[in-house]
């Protein structure tokens, strides 16, 4: 057992004694369950079943190696990628049959919207509230500001965030220096520079909007209330809000000028045709390695990141988020101690996070990740400060809803823009589609 894992086990044991949670006592069997859910009789030697995607599988296996006393069955599944409902369908089945639930699952934030609620009147919510005697409050406080918002419903926290994908301003420092340009700090400066690039260096780009998640980089960062949860059952969608219309107008102008592409960075042929002409890209923290390094093959020492942009006159900077998964602990687990230890180690342990593929949501672990040369040596300058700042600036007004925010953007906005309509013209149709999707899953929708 590693020193990191020993610390986690000790902290969990202390937290359990402080709260009286039946599930966290190694010898627990019939104690009073933690508030919020009825715990199964506990067996500290019971085998736990873990569902993970292939990307996180090595981390689960590393935990198993670090503590071979924990018996585990590990199942690889899609991790709810691309809007998959496999996990939800299976949990509904297990709720009907009364058995089969995995103890720990890696999933998307969208899954928490249903997993935090019973699937039927006779069922218990699948996800255990981790703030009720499972994970200490001091641990939860160390996650990046707002990163646990997708986990929180009804005043409780139902998951641990694995990673975040805070949006920053990526730029090619070599090209920017060559052209004699300064890095913008506001959206207005970004637009002015984009127009200047279009005039002075036609063919070079400062952005692209054609990916299925481009709206999260731009409109989420702009604080556009496209899908803002005012409570668990009410969604506010107002794409005529000035934060939405300003961003749409800005992008329309740069698309017309030619410095923002209607295509997506990950679109077919984009890397070959434009990869070497991307001067700037407003996008998630994983763009550096997965877009510029892997897709564009940009040489090391050329790309770096700057802090998120803000509107002139606004005192605070906010940014968006493009991705990031969660770990949930099953309320049906018969070994909550082991399940919690695993989920905690995966999301808070330096031993695991320093080699994680994407930026950890847990702030101390993020420092370990940034100290790993593999995560920073590719860049032209040190991105540590930029990443850490942006991690605490993700706007929480973009709600974690029961439906994917990518559907309306991909099915309504992108085809319209490709056909020649402007983003500004498309805002009403985008809002209508969001409203329709929201109502179909039970939300009351308002524009106020």
Protein backbone atom coordinates (compact mmCIF):
# COMPACT_ATOMS: atom_id res chain seq x y z
CA UNK A 1 0.00 0.00 0.00
CA UNK A 2 1.47 3.36 -1.01
CA UNK A 3 1.88 6.24 1.46
CA UNK A 4 -0.73 8.19 -0.51
CA UNK A 5 -3.27 5.38 -0.17
CA UNK A 6 -2.52 4.98 3.55
CA UNK A 7 -3.24 8.70 4.08
CA UNK A 8 -6.54 8.42 2.23
CA UNK A 9 -7.61 5.37 4.25
CA UNK A 10 -6.71 7.14 7.50
CA UNK A 11 -8.65 10.27 6.55
CA UNK A 12 -11.70 8.22 5.56
CA UNK A 13 -11.61 6.32 8.85
CA UNK A 14 -11.44 9.57 10.85
CA UNK A 15 -14.31 11.02 8.82
CA UNK A 16 -16.42 7.94 9.46
CA UNK A 17 -15.87 8.09 13.21
CA UNK A 18 -16.78 11.78 13.23
CA UNK A 19 -20.04 11.28 11.36
CA UNK A 20 -21.12 7.90 12.64
CA UNK A 21 -21.59 6.61 9.10
CA UNK A 22 -22.16 2.87 9.31
CA UNK A 23 -20.57 2.23 5.96
CA UNK A 24 -17.12 3.58 6.74
CA UNK A 25 -16.34 1.49 9.83
CA UNK A 26 -14.16 -1.49 8.78
CA UNK A 27 -16.20 -3.85 10.94
CA UNK A 28 -19.56 -2.28 10.31
CA UNK A 29 -22.59 -4.48 9.91
CA UNK A 30 -25.68 -2.96 11.43
CA UNK A 31 -24.92 0.62 12.47
CA UNK A 32 -27.19 3.55 11.71
CA UNK A 33 -26.75 4.44 8.01
CA UNK A 34 -25.54 7.84 6.85
CA UNK A 35 -28.24 10.44 6.34
CA UNK A 36 -29.63 10.60 2.83
CA UNK A 37 -29.61 6.89 1.98
CA UNK A 38 -30.09 3.50 3.56
CA UNK A 39 -26.81 1.62 3.55
CA UNK A 40 -26.63 -2.11 2.96
CA UNK A 41 -25.20 -4.28 5.78
CA UNK A 42 -21.48 -3.72 5.41
CA UNK A 43 -18.72 -6.29 4.88
CA UNK A 44 -15.21 -4.85 4.79
CA UNK A 45 -14.02 -7.95 2.91
CA UNK A 46 -16.70 -7.88 0.24
CA UNK A 47 -15.54 -7.70 -3.37
CA UNK A 48 -16.39 -4.45 -5.15
CA UNK A 49 -17.38 -4.14 -8.80
CA UNK A 50 -15.92 -1.20 -10.71
CA UNK A 51 -17.10 0.11 -14.06
CA UNK A 52 -14.60 2.27 -15.89
CA UNK A 53 -13.83 3.46 -19.38
CA UNK A 54 -10.66 2.27 -21.11
CA UNK A 55 -8.83 5.55 -20.48
CA UNK A 56 -9.20 5.26 -16.70
CA UNK A 57 -8.61 1.48 -16.61
CA UNK A 58 -4.84 1.76 -15.91
CA UNK A 59 -5.58 3.93 -12.87
CA UNK A 60 -8.04 1.39 -11.47
CA UNK A 61 -5.48 -1.34 -12.03
CA UNK A 62 -2.83 0.76 -10.28
CA UNK A 63 -5.06 1.03 -7.19
CA UNK A 64 -5.58 -2.72 -7.27
CA UNK A 65 -1.81 -3.23 -7.36
CA UNK A 66 -1.26 -0.72 -4.55
CA UNK A 67 -3.79 -2.47 -2.29
CA UNK A 68 -4.20 -6.12 -3.32
CA UNK A 69 -6.29 -6.74 -0.19
CA UNK A 70 -9.20 -4.99 -1.88
CA UNK A 71 -10.95 -7.57 -4.05
CA UNK A 72 -12.25 -6.08 -7.27
CA UNK A 73 -14.12 -7.08 -10.40
CA UNK A 74 -13.29 -4.51 -13.07
CA UNK A 75 -15.61 -4.01 -16.03
CA UNK A 76 -14.72 -1.79 -18.98
CA UNK A 77 -17.61 0.05 -20.62
CA UNK A 78 -18.18 3.22 -22.66
CA UNK A 79 -18.08 5.58 -19.67
CA UNK A 80 -21.21 7.31 -20.96
CA UNK A 81 -19.20 8.83 -23.80
CA UNK A 82 -21.02 10.57 -26.66
CA UNK A 83 -24.32 10.68 -24.79
CA UNK A 84 -24.52 6.94 -24.16
CA UNK A 85 -27.35 5.88 -21.81
CA UNK A 86 -25.94 2.41 -21.17
CA UNK A 87 -25.27 3.05 -17.47
CA UNK A 88 -28.70 4.57 -16.88
CA UNK A 89 -30.45 1.69 -18.63
CA UNK A 90 -28.51 -0.86 -16.58
CA UNK A 91 -29.21 0.89 -13.27
CA UNK A 92 -32.92 0.99 -14.09
CA UNK A 93 -32.74 -2.78 -14.69
CA UNK A 94 -30.86 -3.37 -11.43
CA UNK A 95 -33.41 -1.26 -9.56
CA UNK A 96 -36.19 -3.51 -10.90
CA UNK A 97 -34.39 -6.78 -10.13
CA UNK A 98 -32.91 -5.64 -6.82
CA UNK A 99 -29.31 -6.60 -7.58
CA UNK A 100 -26.39 -6.07 -9.94
CA UNK A 101 -25.35 -2.51 -9.16
CA UNK A 102 -21.63 -1.74 -9.54
CA UNK A 103 -19.98 -0.28 -6.44
CA UNK A 104 -18.00 2.44 -8.23
CA UNK A 105 -18.51 3.88 -11.72
CA UNK A 106 -16.78 6.37 -13.97
CA UNK A 107 -19.40 8.39 -15.82
CA UNK A 108 -20.26 11.73 -17.36
CA UNK A 109 -21.59 14.65 -15.29
CA UNK A 110 -24.93 14.22 -17.08
CA UNK A 111 -25.33 10.86 -15.37
CA UNK A 112 -25.41 12.53 -11.96
CA UNK A 113 -28.68 14.28 -12.88
CA UNK A 114 -30.53 10.95 -12.82
CA UNK A 115 -28.24 8.96 -10.49
CA UNK A 116 -28.88 11.41 -7.66
CA UNK A 117 -32.63 10.68 -7.91
CA UNK A 118 -34.57 7.40 -7.54
CA UNK A 119 -35.41 5.81 -10.89
CA UNK A 120 -38.80 4.75 -9.49
CA UNK A 121 -40.88 5.38 -6.34
CA UNK A 122 -39.64 2.13 -4.81
CA UNK A 123 -35.96 2.61 -5.71
CA UNK A 124 -33.14 4.31 -3.87
CA UNK A 125 -31.00 6.82 -5.76
CA UNK A 126 -28.02 4.98 -7.25
CA UNK A 127 -25.37 7.54 -6.28
CA UNK A 128 -24.50 7.82 -2.61
CA UNK A 129 -24.15 11.37 -1.23
CA UNK A 130 -20.41 11.45 -0.62
CA UNK A 131 -20.73 14.42 1.74
CA UNK A 132 -22.79 12.28 4.15
CA UNK A 133 -20.05 10.49 6.07
CA UNK A 134 -18.08 9.10 3.13
CA UNK A 135 -15.63 11.81 2.05
CA UNK A 136 -14.45 14.45 4.56
CA UNK A 137 -15.54 18.05 4.01
CA UNK A 138 -11.90 19.19 4.00
CA UNK A 139 -11.25 16.93 1.02
CA UNK A 140 -14.27 18.22 -0.89
CA UNK A 141 -13.16 21.81 -0.27
CA UNK A 142 -9.89 21.13 -2.09
CA UNK A 143 -11.54 20.57 -5.46
CA UNK A 144 -11.28 23.52 -7.86
CA UNK A 145 -13.91 26.21 -7.37
CA UNK A 146 -17.17 25.14 -8.98
CA UNK A 147 -15.81 21.81 -10.20
CA UNK A 148 -18.18 19.84 -7.97
CA UNK A 149 -21.21 21.85 -9.12
CA UNK A 150 -22.25 19.08 -11.57
CA UNK A 151 -22.23 16.68 -8.60
CA UNK A 152 -24.47 18.78 -6.37
CA UNK A 153 -28.23 18.39 -6.15
CA UNK A 154 -30.59 19.18 -3.30
CA UNK A 155 -27.77 20.39 -1.07
CA UNK A 156 -25.70 17.20 -1.33
CA UNK A 157 -22.70 16.06 -3.37
CA UNK A 158 -23.18 12.84 -5.32
CA UNK A 159 -19.87 12.37 -7.09
CA UNK A 160 -16.18 13.19 -7.12
CA UNK A 161 -14.92 15.04 -10.15
CA UNK A 162 -12.16 13.22 -12.00
CA UNK A 163 -10.90 16.00 -14.26
CA UNK A 164 -11.87 19.34 -15.67
CA UNK A 165 -11.27 20.96 -19.03
CA UNK A 166 -11.14 24.66 -18.23
CA UNK A 167 -11.05 26.87 -21.30
CA UNK A 168 -7.98 29.03 -21.92
CA UNK A 169 -6.58 31.04 -24.82
CA UNK A 170 -4.13 28.87 -26.74
CA UNK A 171 -1.76 30.61 -29.12
CA UNK A 172 1.22 29.94 -31.31
CA UNK A 173 3.90 32.06 -29.64
CA UNK A 174 6.32 31.65 -32.52
CA UNK A 175 3.81 33.01 -35.03
CA UNK A 176 2.48 35.70 -32.71
CA UNK A 177 6.01 37.02 -32.13
CA UNK A 178 6.79 36.80 -35.82
CA UNK A 179 3.69 38.84 -36.69
CA UNK A 180 4.41 41.36 -33.93
CA UNK A 181 1.10 40.87 -32.12
CA UNK A 182 0.31 41.05 -28.41
CA UNK A 183 -1.78 38.46 -26.57
CA UNK A 184 -5.34 39.75 -26.07
CA UNK A 185 -6.79 39.91 -22.56
CA UNK A 186 -10.39 40.86 -23.40
CA UNK A 187 -12.95 39.68 -25.91
CA UNK A 188 -12.86 43.07 -27.57
CA UNK A 189 -9.08 42.82 -28.04
CA UNK A 190 -9.52 39.27 -29.36
CA UNK A 191 -11.98 40.51 -31.98
CA UNK A 192 -9.75 43.42 -32.98
CA UNK A 193 -6.77 41.09 -33.37
CA UNK A 194 -8.85 38.61 -35.37
CA UNK A 195 -9.86 41.37 -37.79
CA UNK A 196 -6.23 42.48 -38.04
CA UNK A 197 -5.06 38.93 -38.76
CA UNK A 198 -7.66 38.64 -41.52
CA UNK A 199 -6.32 41.81 -43.16
CA UNK A 200 -2.60 41.31 -42.68
CA UNK A 201 -2.26 37.51 -42.82
CA UNK A 202 -5.19 36.06 -44.78
CA UNK A 203 -5.68 32.34 -44.20
CA UNK A 204 -4.50 32.35 -40.60
CA UNK A 205 -7.08 31.61 -37.93
CA UNK A 206 -7.87 32.74 -34.40
CA UNK A 207 -10.65 30.21 -33.85
CA UNK A 208 -13.11 27.67 -35.22
CA UNK A 209 -16.73 26.97 -34.28
CA UNK A 210 -17.54 23.74 -36.13
CA UNK A 211 -16.88 21.16 -33.43
CA UNK A 212 -19.71 19.65 -31.39
CA UNK A 213 -18.36 21.36 -28.27
CA UNK A 214 -17.35 24.75 -29.70
CA UNK A 215 -20.27 26.47 -27.96
CA UNK A 216 -18.84 25.43 -24.59
CA UNK A 217 -15.61 27.25 -25.38
CA UNK A 218 -17.26 30.44 -26.58
CA UNK A 219 -20.79 30.82 -25.24
CA UNK A 220 -20.18 29.18 -21.86
CA UNK A 221 -17.10 31.36 -21.40
CA UNK A 222 -19.14 34.42 -22.35
CA UNK A 223 -21.64 33.65 -19.52
CA UNK A 224 -24.46 33.06 -21.96
CA UNK A 225 -27.48 31.60 -20.10
CA UNK A 226 -28.26 28.98 -22.72
CA UNK A 227 -29.16 26.38 -20.12
CA UNK A 228 -29.04 27.75 -16.60
CA UNK A 229 -30.62 25.70 -13.84
CA UNK A 230 -32.45 27.92 -11.36
CA UNK A 231 -33.51 24.85 -9.37
CA UNK A 232 -33.61 21.09 -9.92
CA UNK A 233 -36.71 21.27 -12.12
CA UNK A 234 -36.46 24.71 -13.75
CA UNK A 235 -34.17 25.72 -16.57
CA UNK A 236 -33.58 29.25 -17.79
CA UNK A 237 -32.71 29.62 -21.47
CA UNK A 238 -32.33 33.13 -22.81
CA UNK A 239 -30.15 33.39 -25.88
CA UNK A 240 -31.18 37.03 -26.33
CA UNK A 241 -29.23 37.89 -23.19
CA UNK A 242 -26.49 40.38 -24.02
CA UNK A 243 -23.76 37.87 -23.14
CA UNK A 244 -25.11 35.59 -25.86
CA UNK A 245 -25.75 38.22 -28.52
CA UNK A 246 -22.34 39.86 -28.00
CA UNK A 247 -20.55 36.55 -28.49
CA UNK A 248 -22.65 35.65 -31.52
CA UNK A 249 -21.94 39.04 -33.09
CA UNK A 250 -18.21 38.79 -32.35
CA UNK A 251 -17.97 35.38 -33.98
CA UNK A 252 -20.14 36.42 -36.93
CA UNK A 253 -17.78 39.31 -37.65
CA UNK A 254 -14.68 37.11 -37.50
CA UNK A 255 -16.29 34.38 -39.62
CA UNK A 256 -17.13 37.02 -42.21
CA UNK A 257 -13.58 38.39 -42.04
CA UNK A 258 -12.17 34.90 -42.50
CA UNK A 259 -10.15 34.47 -39.29
CA UNK A 260 -12.65 32.16 -37.56
CA UNK A 261 -13.50 28.98 -39.43
CA UNK A 262 -16.95 27.45 -39.76
CA UNK A 263 -15.22 24.09 -39.71
CA UNK A 264 -14.19 22.32 -36.53
CA UNK A 265 -10.61 21.89 -35.37
CA UNK A 266 -11.25 18.14 -35.36
CA UNK A 267 -13.10 18.13 -38.66
CA UNK A 268 -12.00 15.94 -41.55
CA UNK A 269 -9.01 17.45 -43.33
CA UNK A 270 -8.70 20.45 -41.00
CA UNK A 271 -5.34 19.43 -39.54
CA UNK A 272 -3.86 18.91 -43.01
CA UNK A 273 -5.26 22.11 -44.52
CA UNK A 274 -5.10 24.54 -41.59
CA UNK A 275 -3.15 22.95 -38.73
CA UNK A 276 -0.10 25.11 -39.36
CA UNK A 277 -2.15 28.30 -39.65
CA UNK A 278 -3.91 28.32 -36.32
CA UNK A 279 -2.60 31.42 -34.59
CA UNK A 280 -5.01 31.13 -31.65
CA UNK A 281 -7.60 28.68 -30.36
CA UNK A 282 -9.99 29.36 -27.52
CA UNK A 283 -10.51 25.97 -25.99
CA UNK A 284 -9.97 23.47 -23.16
CA UNK A 285 -6.79 22.67 -21.29
CA UNK A 286 -6.40 19.42 -23.23
CA UNK A 287 -6.06 21.27 -26.56
CA UNK A 288 -2.32 21.63 -26.03
CA UNK A 289 -1.52 17.94 -26.14
CA UNK A 290 -4.49 16.52 -28.03
CA UNK A 291 -5.05 19.21 -30.65
CA UNK A 292 -1.75 20.98 -31.28
CA UNK A 293 0.63 18.14 -30.44
CA UNK A 294 -1.29 15.04 -31.55
CA UNK A 295 -3.55 16.36 -34.33
CA UNK A 296 -1.67 19.34 -35.76
CA UNK A 297 1.83 17.97 -35.07
CA UNK A 298 2.97 21.44 -34.00
CA UNK A 299 6.64 21.29 -32.88
CA UNK A 300 7.44 21.53 -29.18
CA UNK A 301 8.27 24.96 -27.80
CA UNK A 302 5.87 26.80 -30.09
CA UNK A 303 2.44 26.63 -28.43
CA UNK A 304 1.41 28.06 -25.07
CA UNK A 305 -1.65 29.29 -23.20
CA UNK A 306 -2.88 32.61 -21.82
CA UNK A 307 -5.53 33.37 -19.24
CA UNK A 308 -9.23 33.31 -20.18
CA UNK A 309 -10.69 36.43 -21.74
CA UNK A 310 -13.32 38.72 -20.22
CA UNK A 311 -15.59 41.44 -21.50
CA UNK A 312 -14.34 45.00 -21.06
CA UNK A 313 -15.93 46.66 -18.06
CA UNK A 314 -16.56 43.41 -16.19
CA UNK A 315 -14.56 43.00 -13.01
CA UNK A 316 -14.44 39.22 -12.94
CA UNK A 317 -13.24 36.70 -15.50
CA UNK A 318 -15.23 33.55 -16.18
CA UNK A 319 -14.50 30.69 -18.51
CA UNK A 320 -16.11 27.55 -19.91
CA UNK A 321 -15.42 23.85 -19.57
CA UNK A 322 -15.21 21.21 -22.30
CA UNK A 323 -15.25 17.75 -20.81
CA UNK A 324 -14.32 16.04 -17.58
CA UNK A 325 -15.73 12.91 -15.97
CA UNK A 326 -16.91 11.90 -12.51
CA UNK A 327 -16.71 8.93 -10.17
CA UNK A 328 -19.85 7.83 -8.34
CA UNK A 329 -20.12 5.48 -5.38
CA UNK A 330 -23.19 3.24 -5.31
CA UNK A 331 -25.57 3.66 -2.39
CA UNK A 332 -26.16 -0.10 -2.69
CA UNK A 333 -22.53 -1.06 -2.06
CA UNK A 334 -21.88 -3.64 0.65
CA UNK A 335 -18.33 -2.36 1.04
CA UNK A 336 -18.56 1.41 1.10
CA UNK A 337 -15.19 1.64 2.80
CA UNK A 338 -13.37 0.07 -0.16
CA UNK A 339 -15.55 1.82 -2.73
CA UNK A 340 -14.88 5.21 -1.14
CA UNK A 341 -11.17 4.50 -0.82
CA UNK A 342 -10.98 3.69 -4.54
CA UNK A 343 -12.97 6.74 -5.67
CA UNK A 344 -10.96 8.98 -3.34
CA UNK A 345 -7.62 7.60 -4.52
CA UNK A 346 -8.57 7.98 -8.17
CA UNK A 347 -9.55 11.63 -7.72
CA UNK A 348 -7.21 12.94 -4.99
CA UNK A 349 -4.03 10.85 -4.89
CA UNK A 350 -0.82 12.43 -6.19
CA UNK A 351 0.36 8.93 -7.09
CA UNK A 352 -2.47 8.65 -9.59
CA UNK A 353 -3.03 12.24 -10.66
CA UNK A 354 0.55 13.17 -11.53
CA UNK A 355 0.33 10.84 -14.51
CA UNK A 356 -3.32 11.44 -15.40
CA UNK A 357 -4.10 12.12 -19.08
CA UNK A 358 -6.05 15.32 -18.36
CA UNK A 359 -6.08 18.13 -15.79
CA UNK A 360 -7.24 16.94 -12.33
CA UNK A 361 -10.18 18.66 -10.64
CA UNK A 362 -8.56 18.21 -7.22
CA UNK A 363 -6.35 21.27 -6.71
CA UNK A 364 -3.46 19.65 -4.77
CA UNK A 365 -3.40 16.84 -7.33
CA UNK A 366 -3.37 19.39 -10.14
CA UNK A 367 -0.13 20.78 -8.73
CA UNK A 368 1.40 17.31 -8.88
CA UNK A 369 0.13 16.96 -12.46
CA UNK A 370 1.68 20.28 -13.45
CA UNK A 371 4.99 19.30 -11.84
CA UNK A 372 5.20 16.32 -14.19
CA UNK A 373 7.50 17.31 -17.08
CA UNK A 374 5.34 15.30 -19.48
CA UNK A 375 2.50 17.77 -18.89
CA UNK A 376 4.41 20.99 -19.44
CA UNK A 377 7.65 20.53 -21.38
CA UNK A 378 5.90 20.64 -24.75
CA UNK A 379 4.86 24.27 -24.30
CA UNK A 380 6.71 27.48 -25.14
CA UNK A 381 6.15 28.91 -21.64
CA UNK A 382 5.03 27.56 -18.28
CA UNK A 383 1.25 27.09 -18.40
CA UNK A 384 0.91 26.17 -14.71
CA UNK A 385 -0.34 29.56 -13.51
CA UNK A 386 -2.77 29.91 -16.41
CA UNK A 387 -4.27 26.45 -15.87
CA UNK A 388 -4.61 26.95 -12.12
CA UNK A 389 -6.25 30.36 -12.51
CA UNK A 390 -8.69 29.14 -15.15
CA UNK A 391 -9.61 26.07 -13.09
CA UNK A 392 -11.14 28.36 -10.47
CA UNK A 393 -12.91 30.58 -13.01
CA UNK A 394 -15.30 28.12 -14.67
CA UNK A 395 -18.75 29.75 -14.75
CA UNK A 396 -21.31 27.69 -12.83
CA UNK A 397 -24.25 29.27 -14.66
CA UNK A 398 -24.09 26.66 -17.43
CA UNK A 399 -26.21 23.90 -15.92
CA UNK A 400 -25.51 20.19 -15.77
CA UNK A 401 -28.79 19.01 -17.29
CA UNK A 402 -30.49 15.72 -18.06
CA UNK A 403 -29.83 16.28 -21.77
CA UNK A 404 -26.62 16.91 -23.68
CA UNK A 405 -25.89 20.51 -24.59
CA UNK A 406 -24.20 19.27 -27.78
CA UNK A 407 -27.40 18.07 -29.43
CA UNK A 408 -29.03 21.43 -30.16
CA UNK A 409 -25.72 22.99 -31.20
CA UNK A 410 -24.90 20.14 -33.58
CA UNK A 411 -28.37 19.58 -35.01
CA UNK A 412 -29.55 23.19 -35.35
CA UNK A 413 -26.72 25.71 -35.16
CA UNK A 414 -23.92 24.08 -37.12
CA UNK A 415 -26.06 23.11 -40.15
CA UNK A 416 -27.50 26.63 -40.28
CA UNK A 417 -24.08 28.28 -40.15
CA UNK A 418 -22.74 25.88 -42.76
CA UNK A 419 -25.67 26.85 -44.99
CA UNK A 420 -24.73 30.53 -44.72
CA UNK A 421 -26.81 31.84 -41.83
CA UNK A 422 -25.15 33.85 -39.07
CA UNK A 423 -24.98 32.78 -35.46
CA UNK A 424 -27.05 35.81 -34.55
CA UNK A 425 -29.81 34.71 -36.92
CA UNK A 426 -29.68 31.20 -35.50
CA UNK A 427 -30.02 32.10 -31.80
CA UNK A 428 -33.86 31.82 -31.72
CA UNK A 429 -33.82 28.37 -33.34
CA UNK A 430 -31.07 27.25 -30.96
CA UNK A 431 -33.12 28.39 -27.98
CA UNK A 432 -36.23 26.67 -29.30
CA UNK A 433 -34.37 23.38 -29.61
CA UNK A 434 -32.92 23.67 -26.09
CA UNK A 435 -36.41 24.43 -24.78
CA UNK A 436 -37.87 21.43 -26.59
CA UNK A 437 -35.21 19.06 -25.25
CA UNK A 438 -35.56 20.43 -21.73
CA UNK A 439 -39.33 20.01 -21.68
CA UNK A 440 -39.05 16.49 -23.06
CA UNK A 441 -37.14 15.41 -19.93
CA UNK A 442 -39.38 17.22 -17.48
CA UNK A 443 -37.93 20.69 -17.00
CA UNK A 444 -40.03 23.81 -16.72
CA UNK A 445 -38.38 26.36 -19.01
CA UNK A 446 -38.25 30.11 -18.49
CA UNK A 447 -36.37 33.01 -20.09
CA UNK A 448 -36.20 35.03 -16.86
